[in-house]
Amino acid sequence: MYIPAKFKQDNIEELVALMQQYPFATLVTTTDEGIEATHFPTLLEQRGDDLVIKAHIAKANKLWQKVATGAEVLVIFNGPNSYISPNHYPTKKAHGKAVPTWNYVVVHAKGHIAYSHDPQWIYQLVDELSQAHESHSAMPWSISDAPAEYIDKMLPAIVGIKITISSIIGQWKLSQNQPEANQQGVISGLKTLDDQGASAVAAMVKKHCDK
């Protein structure tokens, strides 16, 4: 990923925080058939000095047979993004020298993939994923809510994935290349839009341009 210096994010805490906040990721792999993309929810686990991405796929998805254990893969985590209109820039009114762009936040994590067919490991993963995403529910669902025999039949249809991260890079494109007046214009302009992504970008522009 090409990253201009102004947009480079190398703060590991910020990178990890985005991966946790936006856990639905894209796994990019290379097989004999070419490049493939797989989409799945993820969990991050710290193992000593290593960060590990945990996820699962359907056993019917032959990825686990086509991509060998130990192969290098790429996992992409997309944060909020929004179109940026030149009309957000006060300088546009002064001289008209402005063009549209896009603000976004993204993390690319490279690592080496491994698989698990262990029912206990997969059960724990599903349980952890459920707890993470049910935590704000008034009546959170738990894997133990389903009949044990039903879960026992479902688990063999899943293959666990473990990706030990070898490198992480991030791009925070948040109007850092604009003068302060235009940054404030972007914040104000995005806040007027009825769009969650735009609001999230506005908050991130404010956070990072106020530093």
N, C-alpha and C. Protein backbone atom coordinates (compact mmCIF):
# COMPACT_ATOMS: atom_id res chain seq x y z
N MET A 1 0.85 -1.19 0.00
CA MET A 1 0.00 0.00 0.00
C MET A 1 0.89 1.24 0.00
N TYR A 2 0.65 2.13 -0.95
CA TYR A 2 1.39 3.39 -1.00
C TYR A 2 0.83 4.33 0.06
N ILE A 3 1.70 4.89 0.90
CA ILE A 3 1.27 5.78 1.98
C ILE A 3 2.12 7.04 1.96
N PRO A 4 1.55 8.18 1.57
CA PRO A 4 2.28 9.44 1.71
C PRO A 4 2.64 9.68 3.18
N ALA A 5 3.78 10.31 3.41
CA ALA A 5 4.29 10.48 4.77
C ALA A 5 3.27 11.14 5.70
N LYS A 6 2.50 12.12 5.19
CA LYS A 6 1.54 12.83 6.02
C LYS A 6 0.44 11.91 6.56
N PHE A 7 0.18 10.82 5.85
CA PHE A 7 -0.94 9.96 6.20
C PHE A 7 -0.51 8.67 6.90
N LYS A 8 0.78 8.48 7.08
CA LYS A 8 1.27 7.23 7.66
C LYS A 8 0.90 7.14 9.14
N GLN A 9 0.35 5.99 9.52
CA GLN A 9 0.01 5.73 10.92
C GLN A 9 0.86 4.57 11.40
N ASP A 10 1.76 4.83 12.34
CA ASP A 10 2.61 3.75 12.85
C ASP A 10 2.49 3.58 14.36
N ASN A 11 1.46 4.21 14.96
CA ASN A 11 1.21 4.02 16.38
C ASN A 11 0.48 2.69 16.56
N ILE A 12 1.17 1.72 17.15
CA ILE A 12 0.61 0.36 17.25
C ILE A 12 -0.69 0.35 18.04
N GLU A 13 -0.82 1.20 19.04
CA GLU A 13 -2.06 1.23 19.82
C GLU A 13 -3.24 1.68 18.97
N GLU A 14 -3.01 2.69 18.12
CA GLU A 14 -4.08 3.17 17.23
C GLU A 14 -4.42 2.12 16.17
N LEU A 15 -3.40 1.44 15.65
CA LEU A 15 -3.64 0.41 14.64
C LEU A 15 -4.47 -0.73 15.22
N VAL A 16 -4.08 -1.19 16.40
CA VAL A 16 -4.81 -2.28 17.05
C VAL A 16 -6.22 -1.85 17.41
N ALA A 17 -6.37 -0.62 17.90
CA ALA A 17 -7.69 -0.12 18.28
C ALA A 17 -8.64 -0.13 17.08
N LEU A 18 -8.14 0.26 15.90
CA LEU A 18 -9.01 0.27 14.72
C LEU A 18 -9.39 -1.16 14.33
N MET A 19 -8.43 -2.08 14.40
CA MET A 19 -8.72 -3.48 14.08
C MET A 19 -9.78 -4.06 15.00
N GLN A 20 -9.76 -3.62 16.26
CA GLN A 20 -10.76 -4.12 17.23
C GLN A 20 -12.11 -3.44 17.04
N GLN A 21 -12.08 -2.16 16.67
CA GLN A 21 -13.33 -1.43 16.51
C GLN A 21 -14.05 -1.79 15.21
N TYR A 22 -13.27 -2.16 14.18
CA TYR A 22 -13.84 -2.54 12.88
C TYR A 22 -13.35 -3.95 12.54
N PRO A 23 -13.87 -4.96 13.23
CA PRO A 23 -13.31 -6.31 13.13
C PRO A 23 -13.72 -7.11 11.90
N PHE A 24 -14.67 -6.59 11.11
CA PHE A 24 -15.05 -7.33 9.90
C PHE A 24 -14.02 -7.03 8.83
N ALA A 25 -13.20 -8.03 8.50
CA ALA A 25 -12.02 -7.80 7.69
C ALA A 25 -12.06 -8.59 6.38
N THR A 26 -11.12 -8.26 5.50
CA THR A 26 -10.98 -8.96 4.22
C THR A 26 -9.64 -9.67 4.20
N LEU A 27 -9.67 -10.98 4.04
CA LEU A 27 -8.47 -11.80 3.92
C LEU A 27 -8.14 -11.96 2.44
N VAL A 28 -6.93 -11.58 2.07
CA VAL A 28 -6.47 -11.69 0.68
C VAL A 28 -5.42 -12.79 0.60
N THR A 29 -5.66 -13.76 -0.27
CA THR A 29 -4.76 -14.90 -0.41
C THR A 29 -4.44 -15.14 -1.88
N THR A 30 -3.36 -15.87 -2.11
CA THR A 30 -2.98 -16.28 -3.47
C THR A 30 -3.03 -17.80 -3.54
N THR A 31 -3.73 -18.30 -4.53
CA THR A 31 -3.83 -19.74 -4.75
C THR A 31 -3.41 -20.06 -6.17
N ASP A 32 -3.42 -21.33 -6.51
CA ASP A 32 -3.11 -21.73 -7.90
C ASP A 32 -4.12 -21.17 -8.88
N GLU A 33 -5.29 -20.81 -8.36
CA GLU A 33 -6.34 -20.27 -9.22
C GLU A 33 -6.29 -18.74 -9.30
N GLY A 34 -5.37 -18.12 -8.56
CA GLY A 34 -5.23 -16.67 -8.59
C GLY A 34 -5.46 -16.05 -7.22
N ILE A 35 -5.80 -14.77 -7.23
CA ILE A 35 -6.03 -14.03 -5.99
C ILE A 35 -7.46 -14.25 -5.53
N GLU A 36 -7.62 -14.48 -4.22
CA GLU A 36 -8.96 -14.65 -3.65
C GLU A 36 -9.14 -13.72 -2.46
N ALA A 37 -10.38 -13.30 -2.24
CA ALA A 37 -10.72 -12.45 -1.09
C ALA A 37 -11.80 -13.15 -0.28
N THR A 38 -11.60 -13.19 1.02
CA THR A 38 -12.55 -13.82 1.94
C THR A 38 -12.90 -12.81 3.02
N HIS A 39 -14.18 -12.68 3.33
CA HIS A 39 -14.64 -11.69 4.31
C HIS A 39 -15.12 -12.40 5.57
N PHE A 40 -14.64 -11.92 6.73
CA PHE A 40 -15.07 -12.57 7.97
C PHE A 40 -14.85 -11.66 9.18
N PRO A 41 -15.61 -11.91 10.27
CA PRO A 41 -15.36 -11.20 11.52
C PRO A 41 -14.11 -11.78 12.18
N THR A 42 -13.39 -10.96 12.90
CA THR A 42 -12.13 -11.38 13.49
C THR A 42 -12.06 -11.05 14.98
N LEU A 43 -11.14 -11.71 15.64
CA LEU A 43 -10.75 -11.38 17.01
C LEU A 43 -9.24 -11.24 17.03
N LEU A 44 -8.74 -10.32 17.85
CA LEU A 44 -7.31 -10.17 18.04
C LEU A 44 -6.90 -10.77 19.37
N GLU A 45 -5.80 -11.49 19.36
CA GLU A 45 -5.30 -12.10 20.58
C GLU A 45 -3.81 -11.79 20.73
N GLN A 46 -3.41 -11.39 21.92
CA GLN A 46 -2.00 -11.14 22.20
C GLN A 46 -1.39 -12.42 22.77
N ARG A 47 -0.35 -12.92 22.11
CA ARG A 47 0.37 -14.10 22.59
C ARG A 47 1.83 -13.73 22.79
N GLY A 48 2.17 -13.34 24.01
CA GLY A 48 3.52 -12.85 24.25
C GLY A 48 3.75 -11.59 23.46
N ASP A 49 4.75 -11.60 22.58
CA ASP A 49 5.02 -10.44 21.72
C ASP A 49 4.26 -10.51 20.41
N ASP A 50 3.52 -11.59 20.17
CA ASP A 50 2.82 -11.78 18.90
C ASP A 50 1.36 -11.34 18.98
N LEU A 51 0.89 -10.76 17.89
CA LEU A 51 -0.53 -10.49 17.71
C LEU A 51 -1.08 -11.53 16.75
N VAL A 52 -2.20 -12.14 17.13
CA VAL A 52 -2.79 -13.19 16.30
C VAL A 52 -4.23 -12.81 15.96
N ILE A 53 -4.55 -12.91 14.67
CA ILE A 53 -5.91 -12.71 14.20
C ILE A 53 -6.60 -14.08 14.20
N LYS A 54 -7.75 -14.16 14.85
CA LYS A 54 -8.52 -15.41 14.87
C LYS A 54 -9.83 -15.21 14.12
N ALA A 55 -10.23 -16.22 13.36
CA ALA A 55 -11.47 -16.15 12.59
C ALA A 55 -11.87 -17.57 12.22
N HIS A 56 -12.93 -17.69 11.43
CA HIS A 56 -13.32 -19.02 10.93
C HIS A 56 -13.99 -18.88 9.59
N ILE A 57 -13.97 -19.97 8.84
CA ILE A 57 -14.65 -20.05 7.55
C ILE A 57 -15.44 -21.35 7.51
N ALA A 58 -16.36 -21.41 6.57
CA ALA A 58 -17.09 -22.66 6.36
C ALA A 58 -16.14 -23.72 5.82
N LYS A 59 -16.29 -24.95 6.29
CA LYS A 59 -15.44 -26.03 5.79
C LYS A 59 -15.63 -26.24 4.30
N ALA A 60 -16.83 -25.90 3.81
CA ALA A 60 -17.11 -26.02 2.38
C ALA A 60 -16.28 -25.05 1.55
N ASN A 61 -15.77 -23.99 2.20
CA ASN A 61 -14.87 -23.05 1.54
C ASN A 61 -13.49 -23.72 1.47
N LYS A 62 -13.05 -24.06 0.29
CA LYS A 62 -11.82 -24.85 0.13
C LYS A 62 -10.54 -24.03 0.31
N LEU A 63 -10.68 -22.83 0.84
CA LEU A 63 -9.50 -22.01 1.08
C LEU A 63 -8.48 -22.75 1.92
N TRP A 64 -8.95 -23.46 2.94
CA TRP A 64 -8.04 -24.16 3.86
C TRP A 64 -7.27 -25.28 3.18
N GLN A 65 -7.76 -25.71 2.03
CA GLN A 65 -7.05 -26.73 1.25
C GLN A 65 -6.17 -26.09 0.18
N LYS A 66 -6.55 -24.91 -0.29
CA LYS A 66 -5.81 -24.27 -1.38
C LYS A 66 -4.67 -23.38 -0.91
N VAL A 67 -4.75 -22.89 0.33
CA VAL A 67 -3.69 -22.02 0.88
C VAL A 67 -3.00 -22.79 2.00
N ALA A 68 -1.75 -23.09 1.81
CA ALA A 68 -1.02 -23.96 2.73
C ALA A 68 -0.78 -23.28 4.08
N THR A 69 -0.73 -24.09 5.12
CA THR A 69 -0.34 -23.60 6.44
C THR A 69 1.04 -22.95 6.33
N GLY A 70 1.16 -21.77 6.92
CA GLY A 70 2.43 -21.04 6.86
C GLY A 70 2.51 -20.04 5.72
N ALA A 71 1.55 -20.07 4.80
CA ALA A 71 1.58 -19.13 3.67
C ALA A 71 1.36 -17.70 4.17
N GLU A 72 1.98 -16.75 3.49
CA GLU A 72 1.80 -15.34 3.84
C GLU A 72 0.48 -14.85 3.27
N VAL A 73 -0.28 -14.12 4.09
CA VAL A 73 -1.58 -13.59 3.68
C VAL A 73 -1.67 -12.12 4.12
N LEU A 74 -2.66 -11.45 3.58
CA LEU A 74 -2.93 -10.05 3.92
C LEU A 74 -4.34 -9.93 4.44
N VAL A 75 -4.50 -9.21 5.56
CA VAL A 75 -5.83 -8.96 6.12
C VAL A 75 -6.03 -7.44 6.15
N ILE A 76 -7.14 -6.98 5.57
CA ILE A 76 -7.43 -5.55 5.46
C ILE A 76 -8.58 -5.19 6.39
N PHE A 77 -8.35 -4.18 7.21
CA PHE A 77 -9.37 -3.66 8.12
C PHE A 77 -9.71 -2.24 7.67
N ASN A 78 -10.96 -2.04 7.26
CA ASN A 78 -11.40 -0.72 6.82
C ASN A 78 -12.13 0.01 7.94
N GLY A 79 -11.64 1.20 8.27
CA GLY A 79 -12.32 2.05 9.23
C GLY A 79 -13.31 2.95 8.51
N PRO A 80 -13.72 4.04 9.13
CA PRO A 80 -14.68 4.94 8.49
C PRO A 80 -14.07 5.63 7.28
N ASN A 81 -14.93 6.01 6.34
CA ASN A 81 -14.48 6.72 5.14
C ASN A 81 -15.59 7.63 4.66
N SER A 82 -15.22 8.65 3.91
CA SER A 82 -16.23 9.58 3.41
C SER A 82 -15.69 10.40 2.24
N TYR A 83 -16.57 10.70 1.31
CA TYR A 83 -16.27 11.63 0.22
C TYR A 83 -16.07 13.02 0.80
N ILE A 84 -15.07 13.73 0.26
CA ILE A 84 -14.79 15.10 0.70
C ILE A 84 -15.00 16.05 -0.47
N SER A 85 -16.01 16.89 -0.36
CA SER A 85 -16.33 17.85 -1.42
C SER A 85 -15.44 19.09 -1.32
N PRO A 86 -15.01 19.65 -2.45
CA PRO A 86 -14.28 20.91 -2.41
C PRO A 86 -15.08 22.02 -1.73
N ASN A 87 -16.41 21.88 -1.69
CA ASN A 87 -17.24 22.90 -1.05
C ASN A 87 -17.01 22.98 0.46
N HIS A 88 -16.35 21.96 1.03
CA HIS A 88 -16.02 22.01 2.46
C HIS A 88 -14.86 22.96 2.74
N TYR A 89 -14.09 23.31 1.69
CA TYR A 89 -12.88 24.12 1.87
C TYR A 89 -13.17 25.61 1.75
N PRO A 90 -12.90 26.39 2.77
CA PRO A 90 -13.02 27.85 2.65
C PRO A 90 -12.11 28.41 1.55
N THR A 91 -10.95 27.79 1.33
CA THR A 91 -10.04 28.31 0.31
C THR A 91 -10.61 28.17 -1.09
N LYS A 92 -11.54 27.24 -1.28
CA LYS A 92 -12.16 27.08 -2.59
C LYS A 92 -12.93 28.35 -2.99
N LYS A 93 -13.56 28.97 -1.99
CA LYS A 93 -14.30 30.20 -2.25
C LYS A 93 -13.37 31.34 -2.62
N ALA A 94 -12.14 31.27 -2.11
CA ALA A 94 -11.20 32.35 -2.34
C ALA A 94 -10.57 32.29 -3.73
N HIS A 95 -10.18 31.07 -4.17
CA HIS A 95 -9.47 30.99 -5.45
C HIS A 95 -9.92 29.82 -6.34
N GLY A 96 -10.80 28.97 -5.87
CA GLY A 96 -11.34 27.90 -6.69
C GLY A 96 -10.41 26.73 -6.91
N LYS A 97 -9.21 26.78 -6.34
CA LYS A 97 -8.23 25.72 -6.58
C LYS A 97 -8.46 24.57 -5.59
N ALA A 98 -9.41 23.71 -5.93
CA ALA A 98 -9.74 22.57 -5.07
C ALA A 98 -10.39 21.48 -5.91
N VAL A 99 -10.15 20.25 -5.53
CA VAL A 99 -10.74 19.10 -6.22
C VAL A 99 -11.30 18.13 -5.17
N PRO A 100 -12.23 17.27 -5.57
CA PRO A 100 -12.77 16.29 -4.62
C PRO A 100 -11.70 15.29 -4.19
N THR A 101 -11.90 14.70 -3.04
CA THR A 101 -11.03 13.62 -2.57
C THR A 101 -11.83 12.71 -1.65
N TRP A 102 -11.15 11.79 -1.02
CA TRP A 102 -11.80 10.83 -0.13
C TRP A 102 -10.96 10.70 1.13
N ASN A 103 -11.57 10.81 2.28
CA ASN A 103 -10.88 10.56 3.54
C ASN A 103 -11.21 9.15 4.01
N TYR A 104 -10.21 8.47 4.55
CA TYR A 104 -10.44 7.09 5.00
C TYR A 104 -9.36 6.67 5.98
N VAL A 105 -9.66 5.60 6.68
CA VAL A 105 -8.71 5.00 7.62
C VAL A 105 -8.67 3.51 7.33
N VAL A 106 -7.46 2.95 7.19
CA VAL A 106 -7.33 1.55 6.83
C VAL A 106 -6.08 0.96 7.46
N VAL A 107 -6.15 -0.32 7.81
CA VAL A 107 -5.00 -1.05 8.34
C VAL A 107 -4.78 -2.29 7.48
N HIS A 108 -3.52 -2.52 7.09
CA HIS A 108 -3.14 -3.74 6.39
C HIS A 108 -2.25 -4.56 7.32
N ALA A 109 -2.66 -5.78 7.61
CA ALA A 109 -1.87 -6.67 8.46
C ALA A 109 -1.44 -7.88 7.64
N LYS A 110 -0.13 -8.09 7.56
CA LYS A 110 0.39 -9.27 6.90
C LYS A 110 0.77 -10.30 7.96
N GLY A 111 0.65 -11.57 7.60
CA GLY A 111 1.00 -12.61 8.55
C GLY A 111 0.99 -13.98 7.90
N HIS A 112 1.17 -15.00 8.71
CA HIS A 112 1.22 -16.37 8.22
C HIS A 112 0.03 -17.16 8.79
N ILE A 113 -0.63 -17.87 7.91
CA ILE A 113 -1.90 -18.50 8.25
C ILE A 113 -1.72 -19.93 8.76
N ALA A 114 -2.59 -20.30 9.68
CA ALA A 114 -2.67 -21.68 10.15
C ALA A 114 -4.15 -21.98 10.37
N TYR A 115 -4.47 -23.27 10.47
CA TYR A 115 -5.86 -23.70 10.58
C TYR A 115 -6.07 -24.56 11.83
N SER A 116 -7.30 -24.59 12.29
CA SER A 116 -7.65 -25.47 13.40
C SER A 116 -8.93 -26.22 13.07
N HIS A 117 -8.90 -27.53 13.31
CA HIS A 117 -10.08 -28.38 13.17
C HIS A 117 -10.52 -28.89 14.54
N ASP A 118 -9.93 -28.34 15.58
CA ASP A 118 -10.22 -28.76 16.95
C ASP A 118 -11.58 -28.19 17.39
N PRO A 119 -12.55 -29.04 17.66
CA PRO A 119 -13.89 -28.55 18.04
C PRO A 119 -13.87 -27.63 19.26
N GLN A 120 -13.00 -27.92 20.23
CA GLN A 120 -12.94 -27.09 21.43
C GLN A 120 -12.42 -25.69 21.11
N TRP A 121 -11.39 -25.63 20.25
CA TRP A 121 -10.83 -24.32 19.85
C TRP A 121 -11.89 -23.52 19.09
N ILE A 122 -12.57 -24.18 18.18
CA ILE A 122 -13.59 -23.50 17.38
C ILE A 122 -14.76 -23.07 18.26
N TYR A 123 -15.16 -23.92 19.19
CA TYR A 123 -16.24 -23.57 20.12
C TYR A 123 -15.87 -22.30 20.89
N GLN A 124 -14.65 -22.25 21.40
CA GLN A 124 -14.22 -21.09 22.17
C GLN A 124 -14.21 -19.83 21.30
N LEU A 125 -13.76 -19.97 20.05
CA LEU A 125 -13.74 -18.82 19.14
C LEU A 125 -15.15 -18.29 18.91
N VAL A 126 -16.08 -19.18 18.60
CA VAL A 126 -17.47 -18.75 18.37
C VAL A 126 -18.04 -18.09 19.63
N ASP A 127 -17.72 -18.66 20.77
CA ASP A 127 -18.17 -18.11 22.04
C ASP A 127 -17.61 -16.70 22.25
N GLU A 128 -16.31 -16.52 21.99
CA GLU A 128 -15.68 -15.21 22.17
C GLU A 128 -16.23 -14.19 21.19
N LEU A 129 -16.43 -14.60 19.94
CA LEU A 129 -17.01 -13.69 18.94
C LEU A 129 -18.42 -13.25 19.36
N SER A 130 -19.21 -14.22 19.83
CA SER A 130 -20.57 -13.91 20.25
C SER A 130 -20.57 -12.95 21.43
N GLN A 131 -19.73 -13.21 22.41
CA GLN A 131 -19.66 -12.32 23.57
C GLN A 131 -19.26 -10.90 23.17
N ALA A 132 -18.32 -10.79 22.24
CA ALA A 132 -17.85 -9.47 21.81
C ALA A 132 -18.97 -8.67 21.14
N HIS A 133 -19.78 -9.34 20.35
CA HIS A 133 -20.80 -8.62 19.57
C HIS A 133 -22.17 -8.60 20.22
N GLU A 134 -22.37 -9.38 21.26
CA GLU A 134 -23.63 -9.36 21.99
C GLU A 134 -23.54 -8.50 23.25
N SER A 135 -22.36 -7.96 23.52
CA SER A 135 -22.12 -7.29 24.81
C SER A 135 -23.03 -6.09 25.04
N HIS A 136 -23.51 -5.46 23.96
CA HIS A 136 -24.38 -4.27 24.13
C HIS A 136 -25.86 -4.62 24.04
N SER A 137 -26.16 -5.89 23.89
CA SER A 137 -27.56 -6.30 23.79
C SER A 137 -28.20 -6.37 25.17
N ALA A 138 -29.48 -6.02 25.23
CA ALA A 138 -30.20 -6.11 26.50
C ALA A 138 -30.35 -7.57 26.93
N MET A 139 -30.44 -8.46 25.94
CA MET A 139 -30.53 -9.89 26.23
C MET A 139 -29.50 -10.61 25.36
N PRO A 140 -28.22 -10.56 25.73
CA PRO A 140 -27.16 -11.13 24.90
C PRO A 140 -27.33 -12.62 24.68
N TRP A 141 -27.17 -13.01 23.40
CA TRP A 141 -27.22 -14.43 23.06
C TRP A 141 -25.90 -15.07 23.44
N SER A 142 -25.96 -16.30 23.90
CA SER A 142 -24.76 -17.08 24.23
C SER A 142 -24.82 -18.40 23.49
N ILE A 143 -23.67 -18.92 23.15
CA ILE A 143 -23.63 -20.21 22.44
C ILE A 143 -24.30 -21.30 23.28
N SER A 144 -24.29 -21.12 24.59
CA SER A 144 -24.92 -22.11 25.47
C SER A 144 -26.45 -22.04 25.41
N ASP A 145 -27.00 -21.00 24.75
CA ASP A 145 -28.45 -20.90 24.58
C ASP A 145 -28.98 -21.94 23.59
N ALA A 146 -28.11 -22.36 22.68
CA ALA A 146 -28.52 -23.34 21.67
C ALA A 146 -28.35 -24.75 22.24
N PRO A 147 -29.16 -25.70 21.78
CA PRO A 147 -29.01 -27.09 22.25
C PRO A 147 -27.61 -27.61 21.96
N ALA A 148 -27.02 -28.29 22.92
CA ALA A 148 -25.64 -28.77 22.80
C ALA A 148 -25.47 -29.68 21.57
N GLU A 149 -26.48 -30.52 21.31
CA GLU A 149 -26.36 -31.44 20.17
C GLU A 149 -26.39 -30.68 18.84
N TYR A 150 -27.10 -29.57 18.81
CA TYR A 150 -27.14 -28.72 17.61
C TYR A 150 -25.76 -28.11 17.36
N ILE A 151 -25.15 -27.54 18.40
CA ILE A 151 -23.82 -26.95 18.28
C ILE A 151 -22.80 -28.01 17.88
N ASP A 152 -22.91 -29.21 18.47
CA ASP A 152 -21.98 -30.29 18.16
C ASP A 152 -22.03 -30.66 16.67
N LYS A 153 -23.21 -30.54 16.07
CA LYS A 153 -23.34 -30.83 14.64
C LYS A 153 -22.81 -29.68 13.78
N MET A 154 -22.88 -28.44 14.29
CA MET A 154 -22.45 -27.28 13.53
C MET A 154 -20.92 -27.14 13.50
N LEU A 155 -20.26 -27.46 14.60
CA LEU A 155 -18.82 -27.22 14.72
C LEU A 155 -17.98 -27.90 13.64
N PRO A 156 -18.28 -29.15 13.24
CA PRO A 156 -17.47 -29.78 12.19
C PRO A 156 -17.58 -29.09 10.83
N ALA A 157 -18.57 -28.21 10.67
CA ALA A 157 -18.75 -27.50 9.40
C ALA A 157 -17.92 -26.22 9.35
N ILE A 158 -17.10 -25.98 10.40
CA ILE A 158 -16.31 -24.76 10.50
C ILE A 158 -14.83 -25.11 10.60
N VAL A 159 -14.01 -24.30 9.96
CA VAL A 159 -12.55 -24.42 10.08
C VAL A 159 -12.03 -23.14 10.73
N GLY A 160 -11.27 -23.31 11.79
CA GLY A 160 -10.70 -22.15 12.46
C GLY A 160 -9.48 -21.61 11.71
N ILE A 161 -9.27 -20.31 11.82
CA ILE A 161 -8.12 -19.66 11.18
C ILE A 161 -7.34 -18.88 12.22
N LYS A 162 -6.02 -19.03 12.17
CA LYS A 162 -5.12 -18.28 13.04
C LYS A 162 -4.05 -17.64 12.16
N ILE A 163 -3.92 -16.32 12.23
CA ILE A 163 -2.93 -15.60 11.43
C ILE A 163 -2.00 -14.86 12.38
N THR A 164 -0.76 -15.28 12.46
CA THR A 164 0.23 -14.61 13.29
C THR A 164 0.79 -13.44 12.51
N ILE A 165 0.56 -12.24 13.02
CA ILE A 165 0.91 -11.01 12.30
C ILE A 165 2.42 -10.80 12.27
N SER A 166 2.92 -10.49 11.08
CA SER A 166 4.35 -10.20 10.92
C SER A 166 4.60 -8.71 10.71
N SER A 167 3.61 -8.00 10.17
CA SER A 167 3.77 -6.55 9.97
C SER A 167 2.40 -5.90 9.88
N ILE A 168 2.32 -4.66 10.35
CA ILE A 168 1.08 -3.87 10.27
C ILE A 168 1.43 -2.48 9.77
N ILE A 169 0.67 -2.00 8.79
CA ILE A 169 0.81 -0.62 8.34
C ILE A 169 -0.58 0.00 8.30
N GLY A 170 -0.62 1.30 8.50
CA GLY A 170 -1.91 1.99 8.49
C GLY A 170 -1.84 3.31 7.75
N GLN A 171 -2.95 3.66 7.14
CA GLN A 171 -3.08 4.96 6.47
C GLN A 171 -4.28 5.69 7.05
N TRP A 172 -4.00 6.86 7.66
CA TRP A 172 -5.02 7.73 8.21
C TRP A 172 -5.08 8.96 7.31
N LYS A 173 -5.90 8.91 6.25
CA LYS A 173 -6.00 10.05 5.33
C LYS A 173 -7.12 10.95 5.82
N LEU A 174 -6.75 11.97 6.57
CA LEU A 174 -7.72 12.78 7.32
C LEU A 174 -7.48 14.28 7.14
N SER A 175 -7.23 14.68 5.90
CA SER A 175 -7.05 16.10 5.56
C SER A 175 -5.82 16.73 6.20
N GLN A 176 -4.82 15.90 6.58
CA GLN A 176 -3.60 16.47 7.16
C GLN A 176 -2.85 17.36 6.18
N ASN A 177 -3.10 17.18 4.88
CA ASN A 177 -2.41 17.97 3.86
C ASN A 177 -3.11 19.29 3.57
N GLN A 178 -4.16 19.59 4.32
CA GLN A 178 -4.92 20.83 4.11
C GLN A 178 -4.60 21.84 5.22
N PRO A 179 -4.71 23.13 4.89
CA PRO A 179 -4.53 24.14 5.94
C PRO A 179 -5.61 24.00 7.01
N GLU A 180 -5.37 24.59 8.16
CA GLU A 180 -6.30 24.44 9.29
C GLU A 180 -7.72 24.87 8.94
N ALA A 181 -7.84 25.94 8.17
CA ALA A 181 -9.18 26.42 7.80
C ALA A 181 -9.95 25.35 7.04
N ASN A 182 -9.28 24.66 6.13
CA ASN A 182 -9.94 23.60 5.36
C ASN A 182 -10.24 22.38 6.22
N GLN A 183 -9.35 22.07 7.17
CA GLN A 183 -9.63 20.97 8.09
C GLN A 183 -10.90 21.23 8.89
N GLN A 184 -11.01 22.46 9.38
CA GLN A 184 -12.22 22.82 10.13
C GLN A 184 -13.44 22.81 9.23
N GLY A 185 -13.26 23.19 7.96
CA GLY A 185 -14.36 23.16 7.00
C GLY A 185 -14.82 21.74 6.73
N VAL A 186 -13.88 20.80 6.65
CA VAL A 186 -14.21 19.39 6.46
C VAL A 186 -15.01 18.88 7.65
N ILE A 187 -14.55 19.21 8.86
CA ILE A 187 -15.25 18.77 10.07
C ILE A 187 -16.69 19.28 10.07
N SER A 188 -16.84 20.57 9.81
CA SER A 188 -18.18 21.19 9.82
C SER A 188 -19.05 20.62 8.71
N GLY A 189 -18.47 20.48 7.51
CA GLY A 189 -19.24 19.99 6.38
C GLY A 189 -19.72 18.57 6.57
N LEU A 190 -18.85 17.71 7.09
CA LEU A 190 -19.24 16.31 7.28
C LEU A 190 -20.29 16.17 8.37
N LYS A 191 -20.23 17.03 9.37
CA LYS A 191 -21.21 16.96 10.45
C LYS A 191 -22.62 17.28 9.99
N THR A 192 -22.74 18.02 8.89
CA THR A 192 -24.08 18.39 8.39
C THR A 192 -24.73 17.25 7.61
N LEU A 193 -23.96 16.23 7.26
CA LEU A 193 -24.48 15.12 6.47
C LEU A 193 -25.14 14.08 7.38
N ASP A 194 -26.22 13.51 6.92
CA ASP A 194 -26.92 12.48 7.68
C ASP A 194 -26.30 11.14 7.34
N ASP A 195 -25.05 10.95 7.82
CA ASP A 195 -24.30 9.76 7.44
C ASP A 195 -23.34 9.40 8.57
N GLN A 196 -23.45 8.17 9.06
CA GLN A 196 -22.61 7.74 10.18
C GLN A 196 -21.13 7.74 9.82
N GLY A 197 -20.83 7.29 8.60
CA GLY A 197 -19.43 7.27 8.17
C GLY A 197 -18.83 8.66 8.14
N ALA A 198 -19.60 9.62 7.62
CA ALA A 198 -19.12 11.00 7.55
C ALA A 198 -18.90 11.57 8.95
N SER A 199 -19.82 11.27 9.85
CA SER A 199 -19.67 11.74 11.24
C SER A 199 -18.44 11.15 11.90
N ALA A 200 -18.19 9.86 11.64
CA ALA A 200 -17.02 9.20 12.22
C ALA A 200 -15.73 9.80 11.66
N VAL A 201 -15.72 10.09 10.36
CA VAL A 201 -14.54 10.72 9.75
C VAL A 201 -14.33 12.11 10.33
N ALA A 202 -15.40 12.87 10.51
CA ALA A 202 -15.29 14.21 11.09
C ALA A 202 -14.64 14.15 12.47
N ALA A 203 -15.05 13.17 13.27
CA ALA A 203 -14.49 13.02 14.61
C ALA A 203 -13.01 12.67 14.56
N MET A 204 -12.63 11.83 13.58
CA MET A 204 -11.24 11.44 13.47
C MET A 204 -10.37 12.59 12.92
N VAL A 205 -10.93 13.37 12.00
CA VAL A 205 -10.20 14.54 11.50
C VAL A 205 -9.93 15.50 12.66
N LYS A 206 -10.95 15.73 13.47
CA LYS A 206 -10.79 16.63 14.62
C LYS A 206 -9.74 16.10 15.58
N LYS A 207 -9.79 14.82 15.87
CA LYS A 207 -8.87 14.21 16.82
C LYS A 207 -7.42 14.33 16.36
N HIS A 208 -7.19 14.02 15.08
CA HIS A 208 -5.81 13.95 14.60
C HIS A 208 -5.28 15.30 14.15
N CYS A 209 -6.13 16.20 13.74
CA CYS A 209 -5.64 17.51 13.32
C CYS A 209 -5.51 18.46 14.51
N ASP A 210 -6.08 18.10 15.66
CA ASP A 210 -5.92 18.91 16.88
C ASP A 210 -4.64 18.59 17.62
N LYS A 211 -3.94 17.51 17.18
CA LYS A 211 -2.72 17.11 17.89
C LYS A 211 -1.59 18.13 17.67
